[in-house]
Amino acid sequence: MNGMRRIWRRTLLLSLIAGCWAALPACHQEAEGPPSEDFVVGVVGVPPSLDPHQYPEPAVGVLARNIYDTLVYRDSLTREFVPGLAESWEISPDGMRYTFTLRQGIVFHDGTPLNADAVRVNIERIMNSPRSSDRVTRLLGPLDHVEVVSPNVAALVLSQPYAPLLDALSQPFLAILSPTALAEWDDLTYQFHQVGTGPYRFADYGIGEYVVLERNPDYAWPPPVVANQSFPTIERIVIRFYSDPALLAEALDNGDVQIAIGLTPEDARTSVLNERAIQLETLSLPGQPVELLLNAGRTPTDSLAVRQALFIALDRQTVAQSVYQGFASVAQGPISPNTIYYDPSVAGRYNYDPVQAAALLNTSGLIDTDGDGWRDDEGVPIEVTIAVESLSPESEIARLAKDEWESTLQIPVSIENVPTDEELAVLGTTGAYHAIAYGEPFLDPAPLADWYRSNSARNLVHYVDPDLDGLLLVGQVESNPDSRASIYAQAQGRIMDQALVIPITERIQIVGSQPAVTGLHFDPHGAYPYFTDLGLGQ
């Protein structure tokens, strides 16, 4: 999750899939590559699997948004929910039952009709399969079970109210898959035989290299979020995977791809400086910004004064310019500005002030008592450890923070480089760090409860605050938008008051396209394009 920092470094897992692939002759296809005249979309990242219920990665989301449909969609501009596979829905007064009436006449690519039982099969697969992603399962919140009310009506029943459920159901990782294909293929092999109801059909898969999508000529149910209310204009689209962002930039410059998703700021800046005829768009992604979460459960960052000193001793403007080349704005709070219920009053609470930072440490008793040039705690050496994914942009941020904190605050800093995002998450549960570079995309701020609630397994700040817990839990239950806005404003303020996070920059995605490309736009999460509206101008 450039901005989506979990899209690199998955190559080791590909060997596992290759083994499975070799054992499945029916799935085996030579990855020689499709014809060069196809419309090609390049994405950074080589996903270990393409199953949207199992791997909520950006590259998988690009596919899923176009192979499948979701029960509801969310308008990118108004943020309102609009019909998808469901033509209407009702929420019970207690907020614990969501009843969806499905559109009739919709069929999956294999001819299976969409019905309420297909919804049940999909939701139960997500809830019960051991291969389902934890992040995807968490999207469903306190969902208890699915009821088939009638052939065309399905009800999702919760154990308690959960306001973000519609937002979750609008995401491509909760797409509805063909129940016939799910019955024919197991959880490991379905990825080779994907069947949805979307504008494009899954046609070919060269493992680790490309996927070919072919236009669905029967597509007659586009959601209102796209302009083209018929089947797509582009007949075939090839999605090519690039483990090296530099190769993607080269392919864009050479005209080998029409769209490049996930350009680095350096490559985008080079295109600008060299005046290349490339359309560039910087998308600010909702959710947690690029940030350093501070561990309030470990000395010395268990001290508010120390956390505040680390915050204001870091020149975030310089860091943003150095790492993101001016493409990303400095972040101000625990969620990004285009996240729902963002509170702009969090801006400016901690401005760069190295003199004040040093004074805070002096008053907290952390001084150099032995004259060795480093601060200590009454003679006991102190150190700050930053945990970071080794090949991510945040690794450079950690290096800059180390340089600044050591020179300005006289605190030795070590960097714990972790190979993968998953291993970084595991390290986060141990608390064996003082700052950790971690975050997730989301449009609704309900996941803040996962990151800051006292008893959450994902509380990487290890901070215990019953009042904050109450705000975050009520925010998930409350359905009134105005009340939720007030609740999350209070929660953001409390997180910042306690300096539990150092927001560095907004999380971004840089997209490049050839001058002739038209109709490129993305869903509200900023990462997943709608291919239905794509075209090529003259």
Protein backbone atom coordinates (compact mmCIF):
# COMPACT_ATOMS: atom_id res chain seq x y z
CA MET A 1 0.00 0.00 0.00
CA ASN A 2 3.97 4.96 -3.72
CA GLY A 3 0.72 5.12 -1.77
CA MET A 4 -0.37 1.56 -1.94
CA ARG A 5 2.41 0.06 0.04
CA ARG A 6 1.48 -3.60 -0.03
CA ILE A 7 1.78 -4.11 -3.75
CA TRP A 8 5.43 -5.06 -4.00
CA ARG A 9 7.57 -7.91 -2.79
CA ARG A 10 5.28 -10.95 -3.24
CA THR A 11 7.51 -12.91 -5.55
CA LEU A 12 8.48 -15.64 -3.11
CA LEU A 13 4.88 -16.77 -2.81
CA LEU A 14 4.66 -17.21 -6.55
CA SER A 15 6.68 -20.39 -6.31
CA LEU A 16 3.90 -21.92 -4.24
CA ILE A 17 1.32 -21.03 -6.83
CA ALA A 18 3.55 -22.26 -9.64
CA GLY A 19 3.72 -25.64 -7.91
CA CYS A 20 -0.04 -25.78 -7.68
CA TRP A 21 -0.30 -24.64 -11.29
CA ALA A 22 2.03 -27.37 -12.53
CA ALA A 23 -0.13 -29.93 -10.74
CA LEU A 24 -3.25 -28.71 -12.53
CA PRO A 25 -2.97 -29.50 -16.26
CA ALA A 26 -6.37 -27.97 -16.93
CA CYS A 27 -5.11 -24.67 -15.60
CA HIS A 28 -1.77 -24.73 -17.35
CA GLN A 29 -1.22 -22.08 -20.01
CA GLU A 30 2.06 -20.89 -21.43
CA ALA A 31 2.83 -17.29 -20.41
CA GLU A 32 4.03 -16.22 -23.84
CA GLY A 33 2.15 -12.94 -23.65
CA PRO A 34 -0.80 -11.59 -25.60
CA PRO A 35 -0.54 -9.70 -28.89
CA SER A 36 1.05 -6.28 -28.56
CA GLU A 37 -1.91 -4.50 -30.22
CA ASP A 38 -4.12 -5.15 -27.20
CA PHE A 39 -5.04 -2.38 -24.77
CA VAL A 40 -2.54 -2.92 -21.96
CA VAL A 41 -2.82 -1.78 -18.35
CA GLY A 42 0.36 -2.13 -16.30
CA VAL A 43 0.17 -2.44 -12.52
CA VAL A 44 2.93 -2.60 -9.94
CA GLY A 45 2.83 -5.82 -7.96
CA VAL A 46 2.78 -9.53 -8.68
CA PRO A 47 -0.11 -10.95 -6.63
CA PRO A 48 0.36 -14.48 -5.31
CA SER A 49 -3.29 -15.20 -6.13
CA LEU A 50 -6.05 -13.41 -7.99
CA ASP A 51 -8.92 -14.51 -5.72
CA PRO A 52 -10.55 -11.27 -4.47
CA HIS A 53 -11.82 -12.88 -1.27
CA GLN A 54 -8.32 -14.03 -0.38
CA TYR A 55 -5.95 -11.27 -1.49
CA PRO A 56 -7.20 -7.69 -1.02
CA GLU A 57 -4.22 -6.29 -2.90
CA PRO A 58 -4.39 -3.35 -5.34
CA ALA A 59 -3.51 -5.44 -8.40
CA VAL A 60 -6.26 -7.93 -7.52
CA GLY A 61 -8.70 -5.08 -6.91
CA VAL A 62 -8.06 -3.73 -10.42
CA LEU A 63 -9.18 -7.09 -11.82
CA ALA A 64 -12.03 -7.65 -9.42
CA ARG A 65 -13.58 -4.24 -10.05
CA ASN A 66 -14.06 -5.21 -13.71
CA ILE A 67 -14.67 -8.97 -13.65
CA TYR A 68 -17.30 -8.71 -10.92
CA ASP A 69 -20.07 -6.51 -9.65
CA THR A 70 -20.88 -5.66 -6.04
CA LEU A 71 -24.25 -5.51 -4.32
CA VAL A 72 -24.00 -1.72 -4.07
CA TYR A 73 -21.64 0.94 -5.39
CA ARG A 74 -20.52 4.25 -3.94
CA ASP A 75 -20.43 7.39 -6.05
CA SER A 76 -16.91 8.86 -6.15
CA LEU A 77 -18.14 12.45 -5.97
CA THR A 78 -21.21 12.38 -3.73
CA ARG A 79 -20.14 9.35 -1.66
CA GLU A 80 -23.77 8.22 -1.85
CA PHE A 81 -24.63 4.53 -2.22
CA VAL A 82 -26.25 3.54 -5.49
CA PRO A 83 -27.65 0.24 -6.82
CA GLY A 84 -25.39 -2.50 -8.07
CA LEU A 85 -26.49 -6.13 -8.18
CA ALA A 86 -29.08 -5.05 -5.62
CA GLU A 87 -31.71 -2.70 -7.01
CA SER A 88 -32.79 -1.66 -3.52
CA TRP A 89 -32.14 -2.36 0.15
CA GLU A 90 -33.70 -1.78 3.53
CA ILE A 91 -32.05 -1.45 6.93
CA SER A 92 -34.09 -2.46 9.97
CA PRO A 93 -34.72 0.21 12.63
CA ASP A 94 -32.29 -1.51 15.02
CA GLY A 95 -29.58 -1.57 12.32
CA MET A 96 -29.11 -5.32 12.59
CA ARG A 97 -30.75 -6.54 9.39
CA TYR A 98 -29.92 -5.44 5.84
CA THR A 99 -32.36 -6.77 3.24
CA PHE A 100 -31.32 -6.62 -0.43
CA THR A 101 -33.67 -7.01 -3.38
CA LEU A 102 -31.63 -8.18 -6.36
CA ARG A 103 -31.98 -6.98 -9.92
CA GLN A 104 -33.56 -9.59 -12.16
CA GLY A 105 -32.14 -10.79 -15.45
CA ILE A 106 -28.49 -10.66 -14.34
CA VAL A 107 -26.42 -13.71 -15.25
CA PHE A 108 -22.84 -14.70 -14.49
CA HIS A 109 -20.39 -15.24 -17.33
CA ASP A 110 -21.05 -19.00 -17.16
CA GLY A 111 -24.82 -18.53 -17.56
CA THR A 112 -25.69 -19.00 -13.89
CA PRO A 113 -28.50 -16.62 -12.90
CA LEU A 114 -27.90 -14.21 -10.05
CA ASN A 115 -30.14 -14.98 -7.08
CA ALA A 116 -30.22 -14.69 -3.31
CA ASP A 117 -28.58 -18.05 -2.85
CA ALA A 118 -25.54 -16.83 -4.83
CA VAL A 119 -25.22 -13.99 -2.31
CA ARG A 120 -25.45 -16.48 0.55
CA VAL A 121 -22.77 -18.74 -0.95
CA ASN A 122 -20.37 -15.83 -1.37
CA ILE A 123 -20.82 -14.33 2.08
CA GLU A 124 -20.54 -17.72 3.76
CA ARG A 125 -17.39 -18.44 1.76
CA ILE A 126 -15.81 -15.24 3.06
CA MET A 127 -16.89 -15.97 6.63
CA ASN A 128 -15.95 -19.65 6.74
CA SER A 129 -13.08 -20.36 4.36
CA PRO A 130 -9.70 -20.68 6.10
CA ARG A 131 -8.14 -19.02 3.05
CA SER A 132 -10.22 -15.86 3.32
CA SER A 133 -8.20 -12.75 4.03
CA ASP A 134 -8.51 -11.41 7.57
CA ARG A 135 -8.93 -7.94 6.13
CA VAL A 136 -11.79 -9.07 3.90
CA THR A 137 -13.47 -10.92 6.75
CA ARG A 138 -13.16 -7.84 8.97
CA LEU A 139 -15.05 -5.82 6.35
CA LEU A 140 -18.18 -7.73 7.32
CA GLY A 141 -17.92 -6.63 10.95
CA PRO A 142 -20.36 -8.39 13.31
CA LEU A 143 -22.23 -10.20 10.52
CA ASP A 144 -23.86 -13.33 11.94
CA HIS A 145 -25.51 -15.06 8.99
CA VAL A 146 -27.26 -14.66 5.64
CA GLU A 147 -30.88 -15.52 5.06
CA VAL A 148 -32.41 -16.37 1.69
CA VAL A 149 -35.76 -14.63 2.10
CA SER A 150 -36.94 -15.44 -1.41
CA PRO A 151 -35.23 -16.32 -4.69
CA ASN A 152 -34.61 -12.62 -5.29
CA VAL A 153 -34.18 -11.30 -1.74
CA ALA A 154 -31.26 -11.88 0.65
CA ALA A 155 -30.90 -10.57 4.19
CA LEU A 156 -27.63 -10.03 6.05
CA VAL A 157 -28.21 -10.40 9.79
CA LEU A 158 -25.78 -8.85 12.27
CA SER A 159 -25.19 -9.52 15.95
CA GLN A 160 -25.04 -5.76 16.57
CA PRO A 161 -25.43 -2.63 14.43
CA TYR A 162 -22.55 -1.89 12.09
CA ALA A 163 -22.76 1.40 10.18
CA PRO A 164 -19.94 0.69 7.65
CA LEU A 165 -21.56 -2.45 6.18
CA LEU A 166 -22.80 -0.81 2.98
CA ASP A 167 -19.38 0.71 2.41
CA ALA A 168 -17.84 -2.74 2.85
CA LEU A 169 -20.27 -4.30 0.40
CA SER A 170 -19.32 -1.69 -2.21
CA GLN A 171 -15.67 -2.77 -2.24
CA PRO A 172 -14.36 -5.14 -4.95
CA PHE A 173 -13.13 -7.66 -2.39
CA LEU A 174 -16.72 -8.38 -1.40
CA ALA A 175 -17.70 -8.96 -5.03
CA ILE A 176 -20.21 -11.68 -5.86
CA LEU A 177 -18.64 -14.71 -7.59
CA SER A 178 -20.43 -17.40 -9.57
CA PRO A 179 -21.69 -20.09 -7.15
CA THR A 180 -21.42 -22.65 -9.96
CA ALA A 181 -17.72 -21.90 -10.44
CA LEU A 182 -17.15 -21.91 -6.66
CA ALA A 183 -18.74 -25.36 -6.46
CA GLU A 184 -16.62 -26.68 -9.32
CA TRP A 185 -13.28 -25.31 -8.14
CA ASP A 186 -11.84 -25.27 -4.64
CA ASP A 187 -10.51 -22.26 -2.79
CA LEU A 188 -7.02 -22.70 -4.24
CA THR A 189 -7.89 -23.29 -7.89
CA TYR A 190 -10.83 -20.93 -8.35
CA GLN A 191 -8.42 -18.11 -9.16
CA PHE A 192 -7.68 -19.82 -12.51
CA HIS A 193 -11.38 -20.01 -13.45
CA GLN A 194 -12.90 -16.74 -12.25
CA VAL A 195 -16.50 -16.06 -13.18
CA GLY A 196 -18.39 -12.89 -12.36
CA THR A 197 -21.20 -10.73 -13.71
CA GLY A 198 -19.01 -7.75 -14.60
CA PRO A 199 -18.21 -5.93 -17.84
CA TYR A 200 -15.19 -8.14 -18.58
CA ARG A 201 -14.65 -11.89 -18.61
CA PHE A 202 -11.56 -13.65 -17.30
CA ALA A 203 -9.96 -15.10 -20.46
CA ASP A 204 -6.30 -16.00 -19.84
CA TYR A 205 -3.77 -16.00 -17.01
CA GLY A 206 -0.01 -16.07 -17.50
CA ILE A 207 1.05 -16.57 -13.91
CA GLY A 208 3.14 -13.72 -12.60
CA GLU A 209 2.96 -11.95 -15.95
CA TYR A 210 -0.47 -11.00 -17.22
CA VAL A 211 -4.22 -11.53 -17.23
CA VAL A 212 -6.37 -11.12 -20.34
CA LEU A 213 -9.90 -9.77 -19.98
CA GLU A 214 -12.46 -9.95 -22.77
CA ARG A 215 -15.51 -7.75 -23.10
CA ASN A 216 -18.77 -9.22 -21.83
CA PRO A 217 -21.16 -8.60 -24.76
CA ASP A 218 -24.15 -9.46 -22.55
CA TYR A 219 -23.41 -6.78 -19.97
CA ALA A 220 -26.66 -4.84 -19.62
CA TRP A 221 -26.61 -3.79 -15.96
CA PRO A 222 -23.86 -1.17 -15.50
CA PRO A 223 -24.08 0.71 -12.18
CA PRO A 224 -24.87 4.45 -12.20
CA VAL A 225 -21.25 5.24 -11.27
CA VAL A 226 -20.10 4.73 -14.87
CA ALA A 227 -21.05 6.90 -17.83
CA ASN A 228 -21.27 4.04 -20.35
CA GLN A 229 -24.56 2.28 -19.68
CA SER A 230 -23.88 -0.38 -22.30
CA PHE A 231 -21.14 -2.98 -22.71
CA PRO A 232 -17.53 -1.71 -22.78
CA THR A 233 -15.91 -0.07 -25.80
CA ILE A 234 -12.52 -1.78 -25.48
CA GLU A 235 -12.80 -5.41 -26.56
CA ARG A 236 -9.70 -6.88 -24.89
CA ILE A 237 -7.67 -5.56 -21.99
CA VAL A 238 -4.41 -7.06 -20.84
CA ILE A 239 -3.30 -6.41 -17.28
CA ARG A 240 0.46 -6.82 -16.99
CA PHE A 241 2.15 -7.24 -13.61
CA TYR A 242 5.44 -5.46 -12.91
CA SER A 243 7.53 -6.32 -9.87
CA ASP A 244 9.87 -3.42 -10.70
CA PRO A 245 8.18 0.01 -10.96
CA ALA A 246 11.04 1.24 -13.18
CA LEU A 247 10.09 -1.34 -15.82
CA LEU A 248 6.50 -0.14 -15.72
CA ALA A 249 7.65 3.45 -16.29
CA GLU A 250 9.81 2.31 -19.20
CA ALA A 251 6.88 0.42 -20.73
CA LEU A 252 4.73 3.55 -20.47
CA ASP A 253 7.41 5.70 -22.09
CA ASN A 254 7.84 3.17 -24.90
CA GLY A 255 4.12 2.94 -25.56
CA ASP A 256 3.98 -0.72 -24.52
CA VAL A 257 1.23 0.03 -22.00
CA GLN A 258 -1.66 2.43 -22.38
CA ILE A 259 -2.15 2.91 -18.64
CA ALA A 260 0.41 2.55 -15.84
CA ILE A 261 -0.92 2.25 -12.28
CA GLY A 262 1.60 2.70 -9.48
CA LEU A 263 4.32 4.92 -10.89
CA THR A 264 6.94 6.05 -8.40
CA PRO A 265 7.26 9.79 -7.74
CA GLU A 266 10.77 9.68 -9.23
CA ASP A 267 9.55 8.18 -12.50
CA ALA A 268 6.60 10.54 -12.66
CA ARG A 269 8.90 13.51 -12.04
CA THR A 270 11.23 12.31 -14.82
CA SER A 271 8.30 12.24 -17.23
CA VAL A 272 7.44 15.82 -16.29
CA LEU A 273 11.01 17.10 -16.54
CA ASN A 274 11.56 15.40 -19.89
CA GLU A 275 8.25 16.79 -21.19
CA ARG A 276 7.03 13.37 -22.27
CA ALA A 277 3.56 13.25 -23.79
CA ILE A 278 2.10 11.32 -20.89
CA GLN A 279 -1.06 12.10 -18.93
CA LEU A 280 -0.29 12.02 -15.20
CA GLU A 281 -2.83 11.87 -12.41
CA THR A 282 -2.06 11.79 -8.70
CA LEU A 283 -4.80 10.17 -6.65
CA SER A 284 -4.97 10.87 -2.93
CA LEU A 285 -6.07 7.65 -1.26
CA PRO A 286 -8.43 7.58 1.70
CA GLY A 287 -7.64 5.83 4.98
CA GLN A 288 -4.49 6.04 7.04
CA PRO A 289 -1.79 8.31 5.64
CA VAL A 290 1.86 7.37 5.30
CA GLU A 291 2.65 7.48 8.99
CA LEU A 292 4.72 6.37 11.95
CA LEU A 293 2.62 4.86 14.72
CA LEU A 294 4.26 5.47 18.10
CA ASN A 295 4.32 2.74 20.73
CA ALA A 296 2.92 4.19 23.95
CA GLY A 297 3.57 0.92 25.77
CA ARG A 298 7.36 0.97 25.68
CA THR A 299 9.99 3.24 27.21
CA PRO A 300 10.77 5.98 26.23
CA THR A 301 7.79 6.49 23.90
CA ASP A 302 5.45 5.71 26.79
CA SER A 303 6.01 9.38 27.68
CA LEU A 304 3.73 11.92 26.00
CA ALA A 305 6.54 14.48 26.04
CA VAL A 306 8.85 12.11 24.18
CA ARG A 307 6.19 11.31 21.57
CA GLN A 308 5.55 15.01 21.07
CA ALA A 309 9.28 15.70 20.81
CA LEU A 310 9.72 13.03 18.13
CA PHE A 311 6.76 14.50 16.26
CA ILE A 312 7.92 18.14 16.15
CA ALA A 313 11.59 17.23 15.61
CA LEU A 314 10.76 15.68 12.23
CA ASP A 315 10.62 18.09 9.30
CA ARG A 316 7.74 16.42 7.53
CA GLN A 317 7.65 18.95 4.71
CA THR A 318 11.24 18.15 3.80
CA VAL A 319 10.57 14.42 4.13
CA ALA A 320 7.55 14.68 1.83
CA GLN A 321 9.53 16.59 -0.77
CA SER A 322 12.48 14.19 -0.60
CA VAL A 323 10.53 10.93 -0.74
CA TYR A 324 7.49 11.93 -2.79
CA GLN A 325 9.00 14.62 -5.03
CA GLY A 326 6.20 17.07 -4.36
CA PHE A 327 3.41 14.71 -5.46
CA ALA A 328 2.09 14.15 -1.91
CA SER A 329 0.94 16.76 0.59
CA VAL A 330 1.97 16.62 4.23
CA ALA A 331 -0.58 14.67 6.26
CA GLN A 332 -2.08 16.23 9.38
CA GLY A 333 -3.98 13.54 11.25
CA PRO A 334 -4.65 9.82 11.71
CA ILE A 335 -6.79 9.70 8.56
CA SER A 336 -6.35 11.39 5.18
CA PRO A 337 -8.48 14.37 4.09
CA ASN A 338 -10.56 12.45 1.55
CA THR A 339 -11.59 9.88 4.17
CA ILE A 340 -15.19 10.28 5.28
CA TYR A 341 -15.52 12.32 8.51
CA TYR A 342 -12.01 13.72 8.31
CA ASP A 343 -11.72 16.64 10.75
CA PRO A 344 -9.64 19.51 9.28
CA SER A 345 -9.13 21.00 12.76
CA VAL A 346 -6.35 18.44 13.39
CA ALA A 347 -4.11 20.39 11.01
CA GLY A 348 -1.24 22.35 12.53
CA ARG A 349 -1.28 20.77 15.98
CA TYR A 350 2.37 19.79 15.76
CA ASN A 351 4.54 22.04 13.64
CA TYR A 352 8.23 21.50 13.06
CA ASP A 353 10.13 23.00 16.03
CA PRO A 354 13.43 21.26 16.87
CA VAL A 355 14.22 23.73 19.67
CA GLN A 356 10.93 23.01 21.41
CA ALA A 357 11.46 19.28 20.83
CA ALA A 358 14.79 19.37 22.67
CA ALA A 359 13.20 21.39 25.48
CA LEU A 360 10.46 18.77 25.90
CA LEU A 361 13.09 16.08 26.38
CA ASN A 362 14.99 18.23 28.86
CA THR A 363 11.88 18.74 30.99
CA SER A 364 11.08 15.03 30.84
CA GLY A 365 14.44 14.21 32.41
CA LEU A 366 16.09 12.69 29.37
CA ILE A 367 19.50 14.38 29.30
CA ASP A 368 23.10 13.38 28.64
CA THR A 369 24.39 12.58 32.11
CA ASP A 370 27.63 10.86 31.13
CA GLY A 371 28.84 13.22 28.38
CA ASP A 372 28.85 10.59 25.61
CA GLY A 373 26.71 12.75 23.31
CA TRP A 374 23.52 10.73 23.76
CA ARG A 375 20.62 11.36 26.07
CA ASP A 376 19.92 8.82 28.79
CA ASP A 377 17.36 8.23 31.54
CA GLU A 378 19.22 8.77 34.82
CA GLY A 379 22.25 7.03 33.42
CA VAL A 380 20.30 4.26 31.67
CA PRO A 381 20.86 4.35 27.87
CA ILE A 382 17.79 4.90 25.72
CA GLU A 383 17.15 4.12 22.09
CA VAL A 384 14.33 4.45 19.57
CA THR A 385 13.65 1.62 17.12
CA ILE A 386 11.70 2.17 13.89
CA ALA A 387 10.11 -0.91 12.29
CA VAL A 388 9.55 -0.67 8.56
CA GLU A 389 9.05 -2.81 5.46
CA SER A 390 12.50 -2.86 3.92
CA LEU A 391 11.76 -2.02 0.26
CA SER A 392 8.87 0.38 0.81
CA PRO A 393 8.99 4.18 0.46
CA GLU A 394 8.63 4.27 4.24
CA SER A 395 12.11 2.78 4.57
CA GLU A 396 13.52 6.05 3.23
CA ILE A 397 11.29 7.96 5.65
CA ALA A 398 12.72 5.90 8.50
CA ARG A 399 16.25 6.77 7.39
CA LEU A 400 15.45 10.47 7.30
CA ALA A 401 13.78 10.28 10.72
CA LYS A 402 16.83 8.51 12.12
CA ASP A 403 19.16 11.23 10.82
CA GLU A 404 17.01 14.03 12.18
CA TRP A 405 16.26 12.52 15.58
CA GLU A 406 19.88 11.61 16.19
CA SER A 407 21.24 15.00 15.18
CA THR A 408 18.49 17.13 16.73
CA LEU A 409 17.50 15.16 19.82
CA GLN A 410 20.68 13.17 20.53
CA ILE A 411 18.71 9.93 20.74
CA PRO A 412 20.24 6.88 19.03
CA VAL A 413 17.87 5.33 16.48
CA SER A 414 17.91 1.84 14.99
CA ILE A 415 15.88 0.70 12.01
CA GLU A 416 14.29 -2.77 12.03
CA ASN A 417 13.93 -3.71 8.35
CA VAL A 418 11.26 -6.36 7.85
CA PRO A 419 11.08 -8.16 4.47
CA THR A 420 7.30 -8.25 3.97
CA ASP A 421 4.20 -6.42 5.02
CA GLU A 422 2.82 -9.54 6.70
CA GLU A 423 5.92 -9.91 8.85
CA LEU A 424 5.70 -6.24 9.78
CA ALA A 425 2.13 -6.81 10.97
CA VAL A 426 3.28 -9.75 13.10
CA LEU A 427 6.06 -7.64 14.59
CA GLY A 428 3.44 -5.01 15.41
CA THR A 429 1.64 -7.39 17.74
CA THR A 430 4.82 -7.87 19.80
CA GLY A 431 5.41 -4.19 20.50
CA ALA A 432 9.14 -4.65 19.94
CA TYR A 433 9.61 -1.17 18.44
CA HIS A 434 9.00 2.47 19.28
CA ALA A 435 7.68 3.57 15.89
CA ILE A 436 6.22 1.44 13.12
CA ALA A 437 5.38 2.46 9.55
CA TYR A 438 2.05 0.80 8.91
CA GLY A 439 -1.43 1.65 7.67
CA GLU A 440 -4.38 0.54 5.58
CA PRO A 441 -6.66 2.14 3.02
CA PHE A 442 -10.32 2.67 3.91
CA LEU A 443 -13.03 5.17 3.02
CA ASP A 444 -15.15 4.87 6.15
CA PRO A 445 -13.09 5.52 9.32
CA ALA A 446 -14.58 2.59 11.24
CA PRO A 447 -11.28 0.62 10.99
CA LEU A 448 -9.70 3.16 13.34
CA ALA A 449 -11.13 0.92 16.05
CA ASP A 450 -8.84 -1.88 14.87
CA TRP A 451 -5.80 0.37 15.21
CA TYR A 452 -6.50 2.34 18.38
CA ARG A 453 -8.95 0.36 20.54
CA SER A 454 -7.27 -0.80 23.74
CA ASN A 455 -8.00 -4.52 23.42
CA SER A 456 -7.62 -4.79 19.64
CA ALA A 457 -5.04 -7.24 18.36
CA ARG A 458 -4.08 -4.57 15.81
CA ASN A 459 -3.56 -1.81 18.38
CA LEU A 460 0.00 -1.15 17.25
CA VAL A 461 0.27 1.98 19.42
CA HIS A 462 -0.36 -0.17 22.53
CA TYR A 463 -2.28 2.68 24.12
CA VAL A 464 -5.09 2.12 26.62
CA ASP A 465 -7.79 4.81 26.70
CA PRO A 466 -11.36 3.83 27.69
CA ASP A 467 -12.72 7.16 26.43
CA LEU A 468 -11.17 6.67 23.00
CA ASP A 469 -12.44 3.08 23.01
CA GLY A 470 -15.96 4.35 23.63
CA LEU A 471 -15.80 6.83 20.77
CA LEU A 472 -14.50 4.26 18.30
CA LEU A 473 -17.07 1.64 19.26
CA VAL A 474 -19.99 4.07 19.12
CA GLY A 475 -18.73 5.30 15.74
CA GLN A 476 -19.20 1.82 14.31
CA VAL A 477 -22.75 1.51 15.68
CA GLU A 478 -24.14 5.01 15.15
CA SER A 479 -26.02 5.41 11.88
CA ASN A 480 -26.66 9.16 11.87
CA PRO A 481 -24.01 10.84 9.64
CA ASP A 482 -23.87 14.04 11.65
CA SER A 483 -23.41 12.12 14.88
CA ARG A 484 -20.73 9.97 13.32
CA ALA A 485 -18.90 13.05 12.07
CA SER A 486 -18.85 14.46 15.62
CA ILE A 487 -17.70 11.15 17.10
CA TYR A 488 -14.83 10.72 14.67
CA ALA A 489 -13.78 14.35 15.04
CA GLN A 490 -13.41 13.73 18.78
CA ALA A 491 -11.52 10.49 18.16
CA GLN A 492 -9.07 12.15 15.74
CA GLY A 493 -8.48 14.97 18.22
CA ARG A 494 -7.82 12.56 21.06
CA ILE A 495 -5.35 10.52 18.99
CA MET A 496 -3.48 13.69 18.08
CA ASP A 497 -3.57 15.09 21.62
CA GLN A 498 -1.76 11.96 22.75
CA ALA A 499 0.68 12.08 19.80
CA LEU A 500 0.06 8.41 19.01
CA VAL A 501 0.90 8.86 15.34
CA ILE A 502 3.20 11.01 13.24
CA PRO A 503 1.37 11.53 9.93
CA ILE A 504 3.96 12.07 7.20
CA THR A 505 2.19 12.45 3.85
CA GLU A 506 -1.10 11.62 2.24
CA ARG A 507 -1.05 8.16 0.71
CA ILE A 508 -1.04 8.52 -3.06
CA GLN A 509 -1.25 6.56 -6.27
CA ILE A 510 0.30 8.00 -9.42
CA VAL A 511 -1.25 6.91 -12.70
CA GLY A 512 0.15 7.58 -16.15
CA SER A 513 -1.62 7.08 -19.46
CA GLN A 514 -1.04 7.63 -23.14
CA PRO A 515 -2.48 10.87 -24.59
CA ALA A 516 -5.16 9.01 -26.56
CA VAL A 517 -6.65 7.29 -23.52
CA THR A 518 -10.05 8.63 -22.49
CA GLY A 519 -12.58 7.74 -19.82
CA LEU A 520 -10.13 6.68 -17.11
CA HIS A 521 -11.61 7.11 -13.65
CA PHE A 522 -11.49 5.32 -10.34
CA ASP A 523 -13.83 4.23 -7.58
CA PRO A 524 -13.97 6.24 -4.31
CA HIS A 525 -11.05 4.29 -2.87
CA GLY A 526 -8.83 5.75 -5.58
CA ALA A 527 -7.12 2.49 -6.47
CA TYR A 528 -9.53 0.57 -8.68
CA PRO A 529 -10.41 1.86 -12.18
CA TYR A 530 -13.65 1.30 -14.03
CA PHE A 531 -12.72 -0.12 -17.44
CA THR A 532 -16.27 0.26 -18.83
CA ASP A 533 -15.71 3.90 -19.77
CA LEU A 534 -12.26 3.47 -21.31
CA GLY A 535 -11.69 4.55 -24.88
CA LEU A 536 -8.98 5.64 -27.31
CA GLY A 537 -9.28 9.06 -28.94
CA GLN A 538 -7.91 10.01 -32.33
